[in-house]
Amino acid sequence: MLTTGRISSEMVLKAAVAGCPLAASLTGATSLAAEAAERLGITLVTYVRGDRMDVCTHPERIEG
């Protein structure tokens, strides 16, 4: 799942229900979203810009 807005815990829950293993945003995520992503096994990526990004949860799933 990719979004341009801030990722909330509700968005992480929707990604989990839809079976998306990764949620990414051009901006940030709430602290509750990061906690939910960790618990639900979702890789949370924020501030995706060009070849840079912040991997918040489950970084072992990202190569490179």
PDB file of N, CA and C in Angstrom:
ATOM      1  N   MET A   1       0.843  -1.155   0.000  1.00  0.00           N
ATOM      2  CA  MET A   1       0.000   0.000   0.000  1.00  0.00           C
ATOM      3  C   MET A   1       0.896   1.228   0.000  1.00  0.00           C
ATOM      4  N   LEU A   2       0.592   2.183  -0.860  1.00  0.00           N
ATOM      5  CA  LEU A   2       1.350   3.437  -0.928  1.00  0.00           C
ATOM      6  C   LEU A   2       0.384   4.600  -0.793  1.00  0.00           C
ATOM      7  N   THR A   3       0.747   5.567   0.023  1.00  0.00           N
ATOM      8  CA  THR A   3      -0.076   6.740   0.223  1.00  0.00           C
ATOM      9  C   THR A   3       0.798   7.993   0.242  1.00  0.00           C
ATOM     10  N   THR A   4       0.177   9.117  -0.041  1.00  0.00           N
ATOM     11  CA  THR A   4       0.903  10.383   0.013  1.00  0.00           C
ATOM     12  C   THR A   4       0.740  11.048   1.372  1.00  0.00           C
ATOM     13  N   GLY A   5      -0.237  10.588   2.158  1.00  0.00           N
ATOM     14  CA  GLY A   5      -0.502  11.188   3.459  1.00  0.00           C
ATOM     15  C   GLY A   5       0.095  10.396   4.601  1.00  0.00           C
ATOM     16  N   ARG A   6      -0.111  10.906   5.791  1.00  0.00           N
ATOM     17  CA  ARG A   6       0.395  10.269   7.005  1.00  0.00           C
ATOM     18  C   ARG A   6      -0.321   8.938   7.231  1.00  0.00           C
ATOM     19  N   ILE A   7       0.421   7.908   7.613  1.00  0.00           N
ATOM     20  CA  ILE A   7      -0.166   6.594   7.852  1.00  0.00           C
ATOM     21  C   ILE A   7      -0.645   6.510   9.302  1.00  0.00           C
ATOM     22  N   SER A   8      -1.912   6.159   9.464  1.00  0.00           N
ATOM     23  CA  SER A   8      -2.496   6.010  10.791  1.00  0.00           C
ATOM     24  C   SER A   8      -2.589   4.527  11.148  1.00  0.00           C
ATOM     25  N   SER A   9      -2.914   4.253  12.396  1.00  0.00           N
ATOM     26  CA  SER A   9      -3.077   2.865  12.818  1.00  0.00           C
ATOM     27  C   SER A   9      -4.248   2.215  12.083  1.00  0.00           C
ATOM     28  N   GLU A  10      -5.272   2.994  11.761  1.00  0.00           N
ATOM     29  CA  GLU A  10      -6.408   2.456  11.023  1.00  0.00           C
ATOM     30  C   GLU A  10      -5.995   2.015   9.619  1.00  0.00           C
ATOM     31  N   MET A  11      -5.104   2.765   8.992  1.00  0.00           N
ATOM     32  CA  MET A  11      -4.623   2.405   7.661  1.00  0.00           C
ATOM     33  C   MET A  11      -3.790   1.132   7.721  1.00  0.00           C
ATOM     34  N   VAL A  12      -2.998   0.988   8.770  1.00  0.00           N
ATOM     35  CA  VAL A  12      -2.196  -0.232   8.939  1.00  0.00           C
ATOM     36  C   VAL A  12      -3.121  -1.433   9.118  1.00  0.00           C
ATOM     37  N   LEU A  13      -4.170  -1.272   9.899  1.00  0.00           N
ATOM     38  CA  LEU A  13      -5.129  -2.352  10.098  1.00  0.00           C
ATOM     39  C   LEU A  13      -5.803  -2.739   8.785  1.00  0.00           C
ATOM     40  N   LYS A  14      -6.183  -1.756   7.979  1.00  0.00           N
ATOM     41  CA  LYS A  14      -6.789  -2.035   6.674  1.00  0.00           C
ATOM     42  C   LYS A  14      -5.811  -2.763   5.759  1.00  0.00           C
ATOM     43  N   ALA A  15      -4.535  -2.380   5.800  1.00  0.00           N
ATOM     44  CA  ALA A  15      -3.519  -3.064   4.996  1.00  0.00           C
ATOM     45  C   ALA A  15      -3.400  -4.519   5.429  1.00  0.00           C
ATOM     46  N   ALA A  16      -3.438  -4.767   6.733  1.00  0.00           N
ATOM     47  CA  ALA A  16      -3.338  -6.135   7.245  1.00  0.00           C
ATOM     48  C   ALA A  16      -4.534  -6.969   6.791  1.00  0.00           C
ATOM     49  N   VAL A  17      -5.737  -6.413   6.876  1.00  0.00           N
ATOM     50  CA  VAL A  17      -6.946  -7.126   6.457  1.00  0.00           C
ATOM     51  C   VAL A  17      -6.897  -7.434   4.962  1.00  0.00           C
ATOM     52  N   ALA A  18      -6.343  -6.502   4.179  1.00  0.00           N
ATOM     53  CA  ALA A  18      -6.241  -6.692   2.728  1.00  0.00           C
ATOM     54  C   ALA A  18      -5.096  -7.620   2.336  1.00  0.00           C
ATOM     55  N   GLY A  19      -4.233  -7.970   3.300  1.00  0.00           N
ATOM     56  CA  GLY A  19      -3.111  -8.861   3.007  1.00  0.00           C
ATOM     57  C   GLY A  19      -1.894  -8.155   2.446  1.00  0.00           C
ATOM     58  N   CYS A  20      -1.806  -6.846   2.618  1.00  0.00           N
ATOM     59  CA  CYS A  20      -0.639  -6.089   2.143  1.00  0.00           C
ATOM     60  C   CYS A  20       0.507  -6.252   3.145  1.00  0.00           C
ATOM     61  N   PRO A  21       1.653  -6.742   2.721  1.00  0.00           N
ATOM     62  CA  PRO A  21       2.765  -6.929   3.649  1.00  0.00           C
ATOM     63  C   PRO A  21       3.554  -5.650   3.925  1.00  0.00           C
ATOM     64  N   LEU A  22       3.283  -4.588   3.148  1.00  0.00           N
ATOM     65  CA  LEU A  22       4.063  -3.358   3.262  1.00  0.00           C
ATOM     66  C   LEU A  22       3.149  -2.155   3.114  1.00  0.00           C
ATOM     67  N   ALA A  23       3.351  -1.161   3.968  1.00  0.00           N
ATOM     68  CA  ALA A  23       2.651   0.115   3.871  1.00  0.00           C
ATOM     69  C   ALA A  23       3.716   1.205   3.782  1.00  0.00           C
ATOM     70  N   ALA A  24       3.593   2.060   2.781  1.00  0.00           N
ATOM     71  CA  ALA A  24       4.594   3.106   2.574  1.00  0.00           C
ATOM     72  C   ALA A  24       3.919   4.449   2.367  1.00  0.00           C
ATOM     73  N   SER A  25       4.616   5.506   2.743  1.00  0.00           N
ATOM     74  CA  SER A  25       4.084   6.856   2.612  1.00  0.00           C
ATOM     75  C   SER A  25       5.180   7.833   2.208  1.00  0.00           C
ATOM     76  N   LEU A  26       4.770   8.865   1.499  1.00  0.00           N
ATOM     77  CA  LEU A  26       5.700   9.938   1.162  1.00  0.00           C
ATOM     78  C   LEU A  26       5.977  10.811   2.377  1.00  0.00           C
ATOM     79  N   THR A  27       5.100  10.728   3.383  1.00  0.00           N
ATOM     80  CA  THR A  27       5.291  11.489   4.621  1.00  0.00           C
ATOM     81  C   THR A  27       5.477  10.509   5.770  1.00  0.00           C
ATOM     82  N   GLY A  28       5.029  10.858   6.956  1.00  0.00           N
ATOM     83  CA  GLY A  28       5.289  10.056   8.141  1.00  0.00           C
ATOM     84  C   GLY A  28       4.176   9.107   8.523  1.00  0.00           C
ATOM     85  N   ALA A  29       4.286   8.593   9.724  1.00  0.00           N
ATOM     86  CA  ALA A  29       3.287   7.692  10.308  1.00  0.00           C
ATOM     87  C   ALA A  29       3.146   8.039  11.776  1.00  0.00           C
ATOM     88  N   THR A  30       1.998   7.742  12.332  1.00  0.00           N
ATOM     89  CA  THR A  30       1.807   7.971  13.757  1.00  0.00           C
ATOM     90  C   THR A  30       2.532   6.893  14.557  1.00  0.00           C
ATOM     91  N   SER A  31       2.770   7.174  15.819  1.00  0.00           N
ATOM     92  CA  SER A  31       3.433   6.181  16.665  1.00  0.00           C
ATOM     93  C   SER A  31       2.545   4.953  16.843  1.00  0.00           C
ATOM     94  N   LEU A  32       1.235   5.145  16.891  1.00  0.00           N
ATOM     95  CA  LEU A  32       0.320   4.002  16.989  1.00  0.00           C
ATOM     96  C   LEU A  32       0.373   3.152  15.720  1.00  0.00           C
ATOM     97  N   ALA A  33       0.579   3.788  14.573  1.00  0.00           N
ATOM     98  CA  ALA A  33       0.703   3.044  13.315  1.00  0.00           C
ATOM     99  C   ALA A  33       1.951   2.169  13.342  1.00  0.00           C
ATOM    100  N   ALA A  34       3.039   2.702  13.852  1.00  0.00           N
ATOM    101  CA  ALA A  34       4.282   1.926  13.934  1.00  0.00           C
ATOM    102  C   ALA A  34       4.117   0.748  14.892  1.00  0.00           C
ATOM    103  N   GLU A  35       3.458   0.963  16.013  1.00  0.00           N
ATOM    104  CA  GLU A  35       3.218  -0.129  16.962  1.00  0.00           C
ATOM    105  C   GLU A  35       2.328  -1.200  16.340  1.00  0.00           C
ATOM    106  N   ALA A  36       1.280  -0.775  15.646  1.00  0.00           N
ATOM    107  CA  ALA A  36       0.365  -1.721  15.002  1.00  0.00           C
ATOM    108  C   ALA A  36       1.087  -2.507  13.910  1.00  0.00           C
ATOM    109  N   ALA A  37       1.898  -1.821  13.111  1.00  0.00           N
ATOM    110  CA  ALA A  37       2.633  -2.493  12.035  1.00  0.00           C
ATOM    111  C   ALA A  37       3.587  -3.539  12.601  1.00  0.00           C
ATOM    112  N   GLU A  38       4.240  -3.221  13.684  1.00  0.00           N
ATOM    113  CA  GLU A  38       5.150  -4.173  14.326  1.00  0.00           C
ATOM    114  C   GLU A  38       4.390  -5.420  14.777  1.00  0.00           C
ATOM    115  N   ARG A  39       3.267  -5.210  15.452  1.00  0.00           N
ATOM    116  CA  ARG A  39       2.463  -6.333  15.957  1.00  0.00           C
ATOM    117  C   ARG A  39       1.839  -7.162  14.840  1.00  0.00           C
ATOM    118  N   LEU A  40       1.412  -6.499  13.760  1.00  0.00           N
ATOM    119  CA  LEU A  40       0.696  -7.182  12.677  1.00  0.00           C
ATOM    120  C   LEU A  40       1.626  -7.743  11.599  1.00  0.00           C
ATOM    121  N   GLY A  41       2.928  -7.515  11.747  1.00  0.00           N
ATOM    122  CA  GLY A  41       3.878  -8.052  10.781  1.00  0.00           C
ATOM    123  C   GLY A  41       3.925  -7.290   9.466  1.00  0.00           C
ATOM    124  N   ILE A  42       3.608  -6.001   9.509  1.00  0.00           N
ATOM    125  CA  ILE A  42       3.618  -5.168   8.308  1.00  0.00           C
ATOM    126  C   ILE A  42       4.905  -4.342   8.295  1.00  0.00           C
ATOM    127  N   THR A  43       5.557  -4.319   7.152  1.00  0.00           N
ATOM    128  CA  THR A  43       6.727  -3.459   7.000  1.00  0.00           C
ATOM    129  C   THR A  43       6.228  -2.045   6.754  1.00  0.00           C
ATOM    130  N   LEU A  44       6.619  -1.124   7.610  1.00  0.00           N
ATOM    131  CA  LEU A  44       6.185   0.273   7.523  1.00  0.00           C
ATOM    132  C   LEU A  44       7.351   1.119   7.037  1.00  0.00           C
ATOM    133  N   VAL A  45       7.136   1.817   5.923  1.00  0.00           N
ATOM    134  CA  VAL A  45       8.174   2.641   5.312  1.00  0.00           C
ATOM    135  C   VAL A  45       7.632   4.065   5.183  1.00  0.00           C
ATOM    136  N   THR A  46       8.413   5.045   5.635  1.00  0.00           N
ATOM    137  CA  THR A  46       7.980   6.439   5.572  1.00  0.00           C
ATOM    138  C   THR A  46       9.009   7.302   4.852  1.00  0.00           C
ATOM    139  N   TYR A  47       8.594   8.486   4.513  1.00  0.00           N
ATOM    140  CA  TYR A  47       9.447   9.483   3.851  1.00  0.00           C
ATOM    141  C   TYR A  47      10.143   8.898   2.614  1.00  0.00           C
ATOM    142  N   VAL A  48       9.350   8.253   1.765  1.00  0.00           N
ATOM    143  CA  VAL A  48       9.873   7.676   0.527  1.00  0.00           C
ATOM    144  C   VAL A  48      10.112   8.822  -0.449  1.00  0.00           C
ATOM    145  N   ARG A  49      11.387   9.033  -0.793  1.00  0.00           N
ATOM    146  CA  ARG A  49      11.762  10.123  -1.698  1.00  0.00           C
ATOM    147  C   ARG A  49      12.954   9.671  -2.526  1.00  0.00           C
ATOM    148  N   GLY A  50      12.735   9.494  -3.825  1.00  0.00           N
ATOM    149  CA  GLY A  50      13.827   9.076  -4.696  1.00  0.00           C
ATOM    150  C   GLY A  50      14.406   7.754  -4.243  1.00  0.00           C
ATOM    151  N   ASP A  51      15.705   7.735  -3.953  1.00  0.00           N
ATOM    152  CA  ASP A  51      16.342   6.490  -3.513  1.00  0.00           C
ATOM    153  C   ASP A  51      16.515   6.445  -1.991  1.00  0.00           C
ATOM    154  N   ARG A  52      15.763   7.288  -1.268  1.00  0.00           N
ATOM    155  CA  ARG A  52      15.858   7.330   0.196  1.00  0.00           C
ATOM    156  C   ARG A  52      14.512   6.999   0.820  1.00  0.00           C
ATOM    157  N   MET A  53      14.554   6.403   2.003  1.00  0.00           N
ATOM    158  CA  MET A  53      13.345   6.095   2.748  1.00  0.00           C
ATOM    159  C   MET A  53      13.725   5.717   4.167  1.00  0.00           C
ATOM    160  N   ASP A  54      12.763   5.805   5.072  1.00  0.00           N
ATOM    161  CA  ASP A  54      12.948   5.360   6.452  1.00  0.00           C
ATOM    162  C   ASP A  54      12.124   4.091   6.645  1.00  0.00           C
ATOM    163  N   VAL A  55      12.778   3.003   6.993  1.00  0.00           N
ATOM    164  CA  VAL A  55      12.086   1.744   7.249  1.00  0.00           C
ATOM    165  C   VAL A  55      11.858   1.668   8.757  1.00  0.00           C
ATOM    166  N   CYS A  56      10.599   1.722   9.162  1.00  0.00           N
ATOM    167  CA  CYS A  56      10.244   1.792  10.575  1.00  0.00           C
ATOM    168  C   CYS A  56      10.085   0.434  11.242  1.00  0.00           C
ATOM    169  N   THR A  57       9.560  -0.542  10.509  1.00  0.00           N
ATOM    170  CA  THR A  57       9.347  -1.868  11.084  1.00  0.00           C
ATOM    171  C   THR A  57       9.770  -2.943  10.086  1.00  0.00           C
ATOM    172  N   HIS A  58      10.236  -4.041  10.611  1.00  0.00           N
ATOM    173  CA  HIS A  58      10.649  -5.208   9.812  1.00  0.00           C
ATOM    174  C   HIS A  58      11.603  -4.863   8.665  1.00  0.00           C
ATOM    175  N   PRO A  59      12.729  -4.197   8.965  1.00  0.00           N
ATOM    176  CA  PRO A  59      13.685  -3.814   7.909  1.00  0.00           C
ATOM    177  C   PRO A  59      14.322  -4.999   7.193  1.00  0.00           C
ATOM    178  N   GLU A  60      14.279  -6.181   7.796  1.00  0.00           N
ATOM    179  CA  GLU A  60      14.885  -7.352   7.165  1.00  0.00           C
ATOM    180  C   GLU A  60      14.202  -7.722   5.855  1.00  0.00           C
ATOM    181  N   ARG A  61      13.033  -7.172   5.596  1.00  0.00           N
ATOM    182  CA  ARG A  61      12.310  -7.463   4.350  1.00  0.00           C
ATOM    183  C   ARG A  61      12.729  -6.575   3.186  1.00  0.00           C
ATOM    184  N   ILE A  62      13.524  -5.559   3.461  1.00  0.00           N
ATOM    185  CA  ILE A  62      13.935  -4.601   2.429  1.00  0.00           C
ATOM    186  C   ILE A  62      15.373  -4.899   2.034  1.00  0.00           C
ATOM    187  N   GLU A  63      15.610  -5.064   0.758  1.00  0.00           N
ATOM    188  CA  GLU A  63      16.973  -5.301   0.245  1.00  0.00           C
ATOM    189  C   GLU A  63      17.557  -4.014  -0.316  1.00  0.00           C
ATOM    190  N   GLY A  64      18.848  -3.895  -0.205  1.00  0.00           N
ATOM    191  CA  GLY A  64      19.531  -2.779  -0.850  1.00  0.00           C
ATOM    192  C   GLY A  64      19.803  -1.617   0.033  1.00  0.00           C
TER     193      GLY A  64
END
